[in-house]
Amino acid sequence: MKQFKYVITDEVGLHARPAGLLAKKAKEMKGADVTVMVSCNGKSADATKLMAIMGMGVKKDMEVEVTVEGGDEEAAAAEMEAFFKENL
């Protein structure tokens, strides 16, 4: 299991478009046997579950913890961290 923390920079937080992008990326990774979980303020969600991510209420400038498990965890965590930096 690999983890990293990231402060959300998208103006709308993890709602609608950014949450959809995250769910799509997590589903791609799930195809490689990698599970991605997102946690914030005591709530956790499987990153493939769009409505669960949106229901977490993550707003701009909030810190999330991302857990990547399975597959090549080093590479998967690096790929997810790059995704967060580019899109969220």
PDB file of N, CA and C in Angstrom:
ATOM      1  N   MET A   1       0.850  -1.180   0.000  1.00  0.00           N
ATOM      2  CA  MET A   1       0.000   0.000   0.000  1.00  0.00           C
ATOM      3  C   MET A   1       0.894   1.240   0.000  1.00  0.00           C
ATOM      4  N   LYS A   2       0.593   2.171  -0.897  1.00  0.00           N
ATOM      5  CA  LYS A   2       1.307   3.443  -0.976  1.00  0.00           C
ATOM      6  C   LYS A   2       0.297   4.558  -0.752  1.00  0.00           C
ATOM      7  N   GLN A   3       0.742   5.599  -0.044  1.00  0.00           N
ATOM      8  CA  GLN A   3      -0.129   6.734   0.228  1.00  0.00           C
ATOM      9  C   GLN A   3       0.593   8.042  -0.083  1.00  0.00           C
ATOM     10  N   PHE A   4      -0.210   9.042  -0.440  1.00  0.00           N
ATOM     11  CA  PHE A   4       0.319  10.394  -0.557  1.00  0.00           C
ATOM     12  C   PHE A   4      -0.808  11.363  -0.216  1.00  0.00           C
ATOM     13  N   LYS A   5      -0.427  12.571   0.149  1.00  0.00           N
ATOM     14  CA  LYS A   5      -1.405  13.615   0.460  1.00  0.00           C
ATOM     15  C   LYS A   5      -1.326  14.673  -0.623  1.00  0.00           C
ATOM     16  N   TYR A   6      -2.490  15.282  -0.883  1.00  0.00           N
ATOM     17  CA  TYR A   6      -2.556  16.290  -1.930  1.00  0.00           C
ATOM     18  C   TYR A   6      -3.584  17.346  -1.534  1.00  0.00           C
ATOM     19  N   VAL A   7      -3.258  18.601  -1.725  1.00  0.00           N
ATOM     20  CA  VAL A   7      -4.191  19.694  -1.466  1.00  0.00           C
ATOM     21  C   VAL A   7      -4.910  20.009  -2.774  1.00  0.00           C
ATOM     22  N   ILE A   8      -6.227  19.937  -2.750  1.00  0.00           N
ATOM     23  CA  ILE A   8      -7.045  20.167  -3.943  1.00  0.00           C
ATOM     24  C   ILE A   8      -6.942  21.625  -4.382  1.00  0.00           C
ATOM     25  N   THR A   9      -6.610  21.837  -5.655  1.00  0.00           N
ATOM     26  CA  THR A   9      -6.463  23.194  -6.185  1.00  0.00           C
ATOM     27  C   THR A   9      -7.595  23.587  -7.129  1.00  0.00           C
ATOM     28  N   ASP A  10      -8.376  22.610  -7.598  1.00  0.00           N
ATOM     29  CA  ASP A  10      -9.476  22.919  -8.514  1.00  0.00           C
ATOM     30  C   ASP A  10     -10.489  23.811  -7.791  1.00  0.00           C
ATOM     31  N   GLU A  11     -10.959  24.834  -8.459  1.00  0.00           N
ATOM     32  CA  GLU A  11     -11.873  25.821  -7.873  1.00  0.00           C
ATOM     33  C   GLU A  11     -13.143  25.213  -7.277  1.00  0.00           C
ATOM     34  N   VAL A  12     -13.634  24.119  -7.858  1.00  0.00           N
ATOM     35  CA  VAL A  12     -14.881  23.527  -7.365  1.00  0.00           C
ATOM     36  C   VAL A  12     -14.641  22.337  -6.443  1.00  0.00           C
ATOM     37  N   GLY A  13     -13.400  22.035  -6.148  1.00  0.00           N
ATOM     38  CA  GLY A  13     -13.110  20.884  -5.291  1.00  0.00           C
ATOM     39  C   GLY A  13     -13.349  19.587  -6.051  1.00  0.00           C
ATOM     40  N   LEU A  14     -13.752  18.542  -5.329  1.00  0.00           N
ATOM     41  CA  LEU A  14     -14.005  17.245  -5.977  1.00  0.00           C
ATOM     42  C   LEU A  14     -15.490  17.083  -6.267  1.00  0.00           C
ATOM     43  N   HIS A  15     -15.996  17.912  -7.152  1.00  0.00           N
ATOM     44  CA  HIS A  15     -17.386  17.847  -7.590  1.00  0.00           C
ATOM     45  C   HIS A  15     -17.430  17.829  -9.110  1.00  0.00           C
ATOM     46  N   ALA A  16     -18.466  17.225  -9.652  1.00  0.00           N
ATOM     47  CA  ALA A  16     -18.740  17.189 -11.095  1.00  0.00           C
ATOM     48  C   ALA A  16     -17.529  16.813 -11.947  1.00  0.00           C
ATOM     49  N   ARG A  17     -17.007  17.752 -12.719  1.00  0.00           N
ATOM     50  CA  ARG A  17     -15.951  17.445 -13.676  1.00  0.00           C
ATOM     51  C   ARG A  17     -14.704  16.842 -13.029  1.00  0.00           C
ATOM     52  N   PRO A  18     -14.124  17.451 -11.974  1.00  0.00           N
ATOM     53  CA  PRO A  18     -12.917  16.849 -11.415  1.00  0.00           C
ATOM     54  C   PRO A  18     -13.159  15.467 -10.802  1.00  0.00           C
ATOM     55  N   ALA A  19     -14.305  15.269 -10.183  1.00  0.00           N
ATOM     56  CA  ALA A  19     -14.616  13.950  -9.611  1.00  0.00           C
ATOM     57  C   ALA A  19     -14.802  12.929 -10.721  1.00  0.00           C
ATOM     58  N   GLY A  20     -15.400  13.337 -11.822  1.00  0.00           N
ATOM     59  CA  GLY A  20     -15.570  12.445 -12.972  1.00  0.00           C
ATOM     60  C   GLY A  20     -14.241  12.027 -13.575  1.00  0.00           C
ATOM     61  N   LEU A  21     -13.317  12.986 -13.683  1.00  0.00           N
ATOM     62  CA  LEU A  21     -11.983  12.670 -14.192  1.00  0.00           C
ATOM     63  C   LEU A  21     -11.272  11.679 -13.274  1.00  0.00           C
ATOM     64  N   LEU A  22     -11.402  11.892 -11.954  1.00  0.00           N
ATOM     65  CA  LEU A  22     -10.776  10.990 -10.993  1.00  0.00           C
ATOM     66  C   LEU A  22     -11.374   9.590 -11.084  1.00  0.00           C
ATOM     67  N   ALA A  23     -12.699   9.505 -11.156  1.00  0.00           N
ATOM     68  CA  ALA A  23     -13.354   8.189 -11.252  1.00  0.00           C
ATOM     69  C   ALA A  23     -12.923   7.460 -12.522  1.00  0.00           C
ATOM     70  N   LYS A  24     -12.838   8.173 -13.621  1.00  0.00           N
ATOM     71  CA  LYS A  24     -12.415   7.561 -14.886  1.00  0.00           C
ATOM     72  C   LYS A  24     -10.986   7.025 -14.778  1.00  0.00           C
ATOM     73  N   LYS A  25     -10.081   7.824 -14.209  1.00  0.00           N
ATOM     74  CA  LYS A  25      -8.690   7.399 -14.059  1.00  0.00           C
ATOM     75  C   LYS A  25      -8.595   6.192 -13.126  1.00  0.00           C
ATOM     76  N   ALA A  26      -9.337   6.206 -12.031  1.00  0.00           N
ATOM     77  CA  ALA A  26      -9.311   5.094 -11.074  1.00  0.00           C
ATOM     78  C   ALA A  26      -9.854   3.815 -11.705  1.00  0.00           C
ATOM     79  N   LYS A  27     -10.864   3.948 -12.570  1.00  0.00           N
ATOM     80  CA  LYS A  27     -11.400   2.764 -13.258  1.00  0.00           C
ATOM     81  C   LYS A  27     -10.362   2.182 -14.208  1.00  0.00           C
ATOM     82  N   GLU A  28      -9.615   3.042 -14.894  1.00  0.00           N
ATOM     83  CA  GLU A  28      -8.539   2.564 -15.764  1.00  0.00           C
ATOM     84  C   GLU A  28      -7.508   1.783 -14.943  1.00  0.00           C
ATOM     85  N   MET A  29      -7.189   2.290 -13.783  1.00  0.00           N
ATOM     86  CA  MET A  29      -6.190   1.635 -12.936  1.00  0.00           C
ATOM     87  C   MET A  29      -6.727   0.340 -12.334  1.00  0.00           C
ATOM     88  N   LYS A  30      -8.023   0.309 -12.071  1.00  0.00           N
ATOM     89  CA  LYS A  30      -8.632  -0.905 -11.522  1.00  0.00           C
ATOM     90  C   LYS A  30      -8.481  -2.051 -12.525  1.00  0.00           C
ATOM     91  N   GLY A  31      -8.466  -1.737 -13.806  1.00  0.00           N
ATOM     92  CA  GLY A  31      -8.245  -2.742 -14.837  1.00  0.00           C
ATOM     93  C   GLY A  31      -6.874  -3.381 -14.720  1.00  0.00           C
ATOM     94  N   ALA A  32      -5.939  -2.689 -14.066  1.00  0.00           N
ATOM     95  CA  ALA A  32      -4.589  -3.218 -13.831  1.00  0.00           C
ATOM     96  C   ALA A  32      -4.477  -3.733 -12.390  1.00  0.00           C
ATOM     97  N   ASP A  33      -5.620  -4.079 -11.802  1.00  0.00           N
ATOM     98  CA  ASP A  33      -5.684  -4.607 -10.436  1.00  0.00           C
ATOM     99  C   ASP A  33      -5.160  -3.633  -9.387  1.00  0.00           C
ATOM    100  N   VAL A  34      -5.400  -2.347  -9.581  1.00  0.00           N
ATOM    101  CA  VAL A  34      -4.999  -1.325  -8.625  1.00  0.00           C
ATOM    102  C   VAL A  34      -6.258  -0.682  -8.059  1.00  0.00           C
ATOM    103  N   THR A  35      -6.330  -0.584  -6.734  1.00  0.00           N
ATOM    104  CA  THR A  35      -7.449   0.068  -6.066  1.00  0.00           C
ATOM    105  C   THR A  35      -6.988   1.422  -5.555  1.00  0.00           C
ATOM    106  N   VAL A  36      -7.794   2.451  -5.799  1.00  0.00           N
ATOM    107  CA  VAL A  36      -7.469   3.802  -5.351  1.00  0.00           C
ATOM    108  C   VAL A  36      -8.572   4.262  -4.402  1.00  0.00           C
ATOM    109  N   MET A  37      -8.174   4.662  -3.198  1.00  0.00           N
ATOM    110  CA  MET A  37      -9.110   5.188  -2.201  1.00  0.00           C
ATOM    111  C   MET A  37      -8.725   6.632  -1.903  1.00  0.00           C
ATOM    112  N   VAL A  38      -9.742   7.469  -1.647  1.00  0.00           N
ATOM    113  CA  VAL A  38      -9.525   8.865  -1.297  1.00  0.00           C
ATOM    114  C   VAL A  38     -10.144   9.102   0.073  1.00  0.00           C
ATOM    115  N   SER A  39      -9.405   9.753   0.963  1.00  0.00           N
ATOM    116  CA  SER A  39      -9.895  10.054   2.315  1.00  0.00           C
ATOM    117  C   SER A  39      -9.730  11.531   2.616  1.00  0.00           C
ATOM    118  N   CYS A  40     -10.705  12.078   3.347  1.00  0.00           N
ATOM    119  CA  CYS A  40     -10.645  13.481   3.763  1.00  0.00           C
ATOM    120  C   CYS A  40     -11.620  13.676   4.921  1.00  0.00           C
ATOM    121  N   ASN A  41     -11.177  14.327   5.968  1.00  0.00           N
ATOM    122  CA  ASN A  41     -12.041  14.643   7.115  1.00  0.00           C
ATOM    123  C   ASN A  41     -12.796  13.439   7.653  1.00  0.00           C
ATOM    124  N   GLY A  42     -12.130  12.318   7.766  1.00  0.00           N
ATOM    125  CA  GLY A  42     -12.744  11.125   8.335  1.00  0.00           C
ATOM    126  C   GLY A  42     -13.640  10.344   7.394  1.00  0.00           C
ATOM    127  N   LYS A  43     -13.756  10.770   6.145  1.00  0.00           N
ATOM    128  CA  LYS A  43     -14.559  10.056   5.152  1.00  0.00           C
ATOM    129  C   LYS A  43     -13.629   9.438   4.121  1.00  0.00           C
ATOM    130  N   SER A  44     -14.002   8.255   3.655  1.00  0.00           N
ATOM    131  CA  SER A  44     -13.225   7.582   2.609  1.00  0.00           C
ATOM    132  C   SER A  44     -14.150   7.133   1.500  1.00  0.00           C
ATOM    133  N   ALA A  45     -13.612   7.075   0.285  1.00  0.00           N
ATOM    134  CA  ALA A  45     -14.402   6.604  -0.853  1.00  0.00           C
ATOM    135  C   ALA A  45     -13.494   5.915  -1.850  1.00  0.00           C
ATOM    136  N   ASP A  46     -14.032   4.873  -2.469  1.00  0.00           N
ATOM    137  CA  ASP A  46     -13.376   4.226  -3.599  1.00  0.00           C
ATOM    138  C   ASP A  46     -13.390   5.263  -4.721  1.00  0.00           C
ATOM    139  N   ALA A  47     -12.239   5.558  -5.272  1.00  0.00           N
ATOM    140  CA  ALA A  47     -12.132   6.616  -6.274  1.00  0.00           C
ATOM    141  C   ALA A  47     -12.903   6.312  -7.556  1.00  0.00           C
ATOM    142  N   THR A  48     -13.333   5.054  -7.766  1.00  0.00           N
ATOM    143  CA  THR A  48     -14.115   4.736  -8.960  1.00  0.00           C
ATOM    144  C   THR A  48     -15.582   5.122  -8.793  1.00  0.00           C
ATOM    145  N   LYS A  49     -15.996   5.437  -7.597  1.00  0.00           N
ATOM    146  CA  LYS A  49     -17.409   5.725  -7.292  1.00  0.00           C
ATOM    147  C   LYS A  49     -17.661   7.230  -7.317  1.00  0.00           C
ATOM    148  N   LEU A  50     -18.101   7.724  -8.452  1.00  0.00           N
ATOM    149  CA  LEU A  50     -18.300   9.160  -8.666  1.00  0.00           C
ATOM    150  C   LEU A  50     -19.143   9.804  -7.578  1.00  0.00           C
ATOM    151  N   MET A  51     -20.304   9.239  -7.278  1.00  0.00           N
ATOM    152  CA  MET A  51     -21.202   9.853  -6.298  1.00  0.00           C
ATOM    153  C   MET A  51     -20.607   9.823  -4.885  1.00  0.00           C
ATOM    154  N   ALA A  52     -19.853   8.784  -4.568  1.00  0.00           N
ATOM    155  CA  ALA A  52     -19.210   8.705  -3.253  1.00  0.00           C
ATOM    156  C   ALA A  52     -18.141   9.791  -3.113  1.00  0.00           C
ATOM    157  N   ILE A  53     -17.406  10.019  -4.191  1.00  0.00           N
ATOM    158  CA  ILE A  53     -16.377  11.067  -4.161  1.00  0.00           C
ATOM    159  C   ILE A  53     -17.033  12.425  -3.970  1.00  0.00           C
ATOM    160  N   MET A  54     -18.072  12.690  -4.752  1.00  0.00           N
ATOM    161  CA  MET A  54     -18.763  13.973  -4.652  1.00  0.00           C
ATOM    162  C   MET A  54     -19.390  14.152  -3.273  1.00  0.00           C
ATOM    163  N   GLY A  55     -19.873  13.068  -2.686  1.00  0.00           N
ATOM    164  CA  GLY A  55     -20.511  13.117  -1.370  1.00  0.00           C
ATOM    165  C   GLY A  55     -19.562  13.405  -0.225  1.00  0.00           C
ATOM    166  N   MET A  56     -18.268  13.330  -0.483  1.00  0.00           N
ATOM    167  CA  MET A  56     -17.298  13.620   0.568  1.00  0.00           C
ATOM    168  C   MET A  56     -17.229  15.113   0.888  1.00  0.00           C
ATOM    169  N   GLY A  57     -17.680  15.945  -0.030  1.00  0.00           N
ATOM    170  CA  GLY A  57     -17.690  17.393   0.203  1.00  0.00           C
ATOM    171  C   GLY A  57     -16.314  18.034   0.213  1.00  0.00           C
ATOM    172  N   VAL A  58     -15.393  17.512  -0.582  1.00  0.00           N
ATOM    173  CA  VAL A  58     -14.033  18.059  -0.629  1.00  0.00           C
ATOM    174  C   VAL A  58     -14.033  19.338  -1.457  1.00  0.00           C
ATOM    175  N   LYS A  59     -13.550  20.403  -0.842  1.00  0.00           N
ATOM    176  CA  LYS A  59     -13.521  21.702  -1.499  1.00  0.00           C
ATOM    177  C   LYS A  59     -12.073  22.127  -1.763  1.00  0.00           C
ATOM    178  N   LYS A  60     -11.942  23.205  -2.531  1.00  0.00           N
ATOM    179  CA  LYS A  60     -10.617  23.752  -2.834  1.00  0.00           C
ATOM    180  C   LYS A  60      -9.849  23.998  -1.537  1.00  0.00           C
ATOM    181  N   ASP A  61      -8.562  23.740  -1.566  1.00  0.00           N
ATOM    182  CA  ASP A  61      -7.625  23.935  -0.463  1.00  0.00           C
ATOM    183  C   ASP A  61      -7.737  22.899   0.648  1.00  0.00           C
ATOM    184  N   MET A  62      -8.597  21.886   0.492  1.00  0.00           N
ATOM    185  CA  MET A  62      -8.658  20.798   1.468  1.00  0.00           C
ATOM    186  C   MET A  62      -7.638  19.733   1.085  1.00  0.00           C
ATOM    187  N   GLU A  63      -7.065  19.089   2.094  1.00  0.00           N
ATOM    188  CA  GLU A  63      -6.083  18.036   1.858  1.00  0.00           C
ATOM    189  C   GLU A  63      -6.764  16.671   1.844  1.00  0.00           C
ATOM    190  N   VAL A  64      -6.445  15.888   0.838  1.00  0.00           N
ATOM    191  CA  VAL A  64      -6.936  14.513   0.757  1.00  0.00           C
ATOM    192  C   VAL A  64      -5.753  13.565   0.884  1.00  0.00           C
ATOM    193  N   GLU A  65      -6.045  12.373   1.374  1.00  0.00           N
ATOM    194  CA  GLU A  65      -5.037  11.322   1.406  1.00  0.00           C
ATOM    195  C   GLU A  65      -5.469  10.281   0.389  1.00  0.00           C
ATOM    196  N   VAL A  66      -4.548   9.902  -0.468  1.00  0.00           N
ATOM    197  CA  VAL A  66      -4.829   8.932  -1.520  1.00  0.00           C
ATOM    198  C   VAL A  66      -4.051   7.660  -1.212  1.00  0.00           C
ATOM    199  N   THR A  67      -4.762   6.531  -1.226  1.00  0.00           N
ATOM    200  CA  THR A  67      -4.153   5.233  -0.980  1.00  0.00           C
ATOM    201  C   THR A  67      -4.252   4.407  -2.247  1.00  0.00           C
ATOM    202  N   VAL A  68      -3.128   3.870  -2.672  1.00  0.00           N
ATOM    203  CA  VAL A  68      -3.053   3.042  -3.869  1.00  0.00           C
ATOM    204  C   VAL A  68      -2.599   1.657  -3.425  1.00  0.00           C
ATOM    205  N   GLU A  69      -3.347   0.638  -3.839  1.00  0.00           N
ATOM    206  CA  GLU A  69      -3.029  -0.714  -3.404  1.00  0.00           C
ATOM    207  C   GLU A  69      -3.174  -1.688  -4.561  1.00  0.00           C
ATOM    208  N   GLY A  70      -2.224  -2.614  -4.673  1.00  0.00           N
ATOM    209  CA  GLY A  70      -2.264  -3.640  -5.703  1.00  0.00           C
ATOM    210  C   GLY A  70      -1.393  -3.289  -6.888  1.00  0.00           C
ATOM    211  N   GLY A  71      -1.158  -4.278  -7.719  1.00  0.00           N
ATOM    212  CA  GLY A  71      -0.341  -4.065  -8.908  1.00  0.00           C
ATOM    213  C   GLY A  71       1.049  -3.576  -8.539  1.00  0.00           C
ATOM    214  N   ASP A  72       1.651  -2.793  -9.390  1.00  0.00           N
ATOM    215  CA  ASP A  72       2.942  -2.164  -9.115  1.00  0.00           C
ATOM    216  C   ASP A  72       2.640  -0.866  -8.367  1.00  0.00           C
ATOM    217  N   GLU A  73       2.620  -0.954  -7.045  1.00  0.00           N
ATOM    218  CA  GLU A  73       2.178   0.175  -6.223  1.00  0.00           C
ATOM    219  C   GLU A  73       3.037   1.421  -6.397  1.00  0.00           C
ATOM    220  N   GLU A  74       4.340   1.261  -6.551  1.00  0.00           N
ATOM    221  CA  GLU A  74       5.227   2.418  -6.752  1.00  0.00           C
ATOM    222  C   GLU A  74       4.818   3.177  -8.005  1.00  0.00           C
ATOM    223  N   ALA A  75       4.699   2.461  -9.099  1.00  0.00           N
ATOM    224  CA  ALA A  75       4.344   3.091 -10.374  1.00  0.00           C
ATOM    225  C   ALA A  75       2.925   3.642 -10.344  1.00  0.00           C
ATOM    226  N   ALA A  76       1.994   2.890  -9.750  1.00  0.00           N
ATOM    227  CA  ALA A  76       0.597   3.330  -9.688  1.00  0.00           C
ATOM    228  C   ALA A  76       0.455   4.586  -8.836  1.00  0.00           C
ATOM    229  N   ALA A  77       1.146   4.638  -7.704  1.00  0.00           N
ATOM    230  CA  ALA A  77       1.083   5.821  -6.844  1.00  0.00           C
ATOM    231  C   ALA A  77       1.679   7.030  -7.558  1.00  0.00           C
ATOM    232  N   ALA A  78       2.786   6.838  -8.263  1.00  0.00           N
ATOM    233  CA  ALA A  78       3.398   7.935  -9.015  1.00  0.00           C
ATOM    234  C   ALA A  78       2.462   8.425 -10.116  1.00  0.00           C
ATOM    235  N   GLU A  79       1.792   7.496 -10.781  1.00  0.00           N
ATOM    236  CA  GLU A  79       0.848   7.862 -11.840  1.00  0.00           C
ATOM    237  C   GLU A  79      -0.341   8.641 -11.269  1.00  0.00           C
ATOM    238  N   MET A  80      -0.862   8.196 -10.121  1.00  0.00           N
ATOM    239  CA  MET A  80      -1.993   8.909  -9.509  1.00  0.00           C
ATOM    240  C   MET A  80      -1.571  10.285  -9.012  1.00  0.00           C
ATOM    241  N   GLU A  81      -0.390  10.364  -8.432  1.00  0.00           N
ATOM    242  CA  GLU A  81       0.080  11.664  -7.939  1.00  0.00           C
ATOM    243  C   GLU A  81       0.237  12.643  -9.100  1.00  0.00           C
ATOM    244  N   ALA A  82       0.761  12.186 -10.211  1.00  0.00           N
ATOM    245  CA  ALA A  82       0.884  13.028 -11.402  1.00  0.00           C
ATOM    246  C   ALA A  82      -0.502  13.450 -11.902  1.00  0.00           C
ATOM    247  N   PHE A  83      -1.456  12.511 -11.870  1.00  0.00           N
ATOM    248  CA  PHE A  83      -2.819  12.818 -12.286  1.00  0.00           C
ATOM    249  C   PHE A  83      -3.412  13.932 -11.419  1.00  0.00           C
ATOM    250  N   PHE A  84      -3.243  13.817 -10.102  1.00  0.00           N
ATOM    251  CA  PHE A  84      -3.780  14.843  -9.189  1.00  0.00           C
ATOM    252  C   PHE A  84      -3.166  16.207  -9.512  1.00  0.00           C
ATOM    253  N   LYS A  85      -1.860  16.249  -9.710  1.00  0.00           N
ATOM    254  CA  LYS A  85      -1.181  17.514  -9.992  1.00  0.00           C
ATOM    255  C   LYS A  85      -1.669  18.150 -11.295  1.00  0.00           C
ATOM    256  N   GLU A  86      -1.964  17.334 -12.289  1.00  0.00           N
ATOM    257  CA  GLU A  86      -2.412  17.854 -13.583  1.00  0.00           C
ATOM    258  C   GLU A  86      -3.886  18.248 -13.611  1.00  0.00           C
ATOM    259  N   ASN A  87      -4.713  17.540 -12.838  1.00  0.00           N
ATOM    260  CA  ASN A  87      -6.171  17.680 -13.001  1.00  0.00           C
ATOM    261  C   ASN A  87      -6.940  18.190 -11.797  1.00  0.00           C
ATOM    262  N   LEU A  88      -6.379  18.118 -10.602  1.00  0.00           N
ATOM    263  CA  LEU A  88      -7.164  18.473  -9.433  1.00  0.00           C
ATOM    264  C   LEU A  88      -6.472  19.513  -8.599  1.00  0.00           C
TER     265      LEU A  88
END
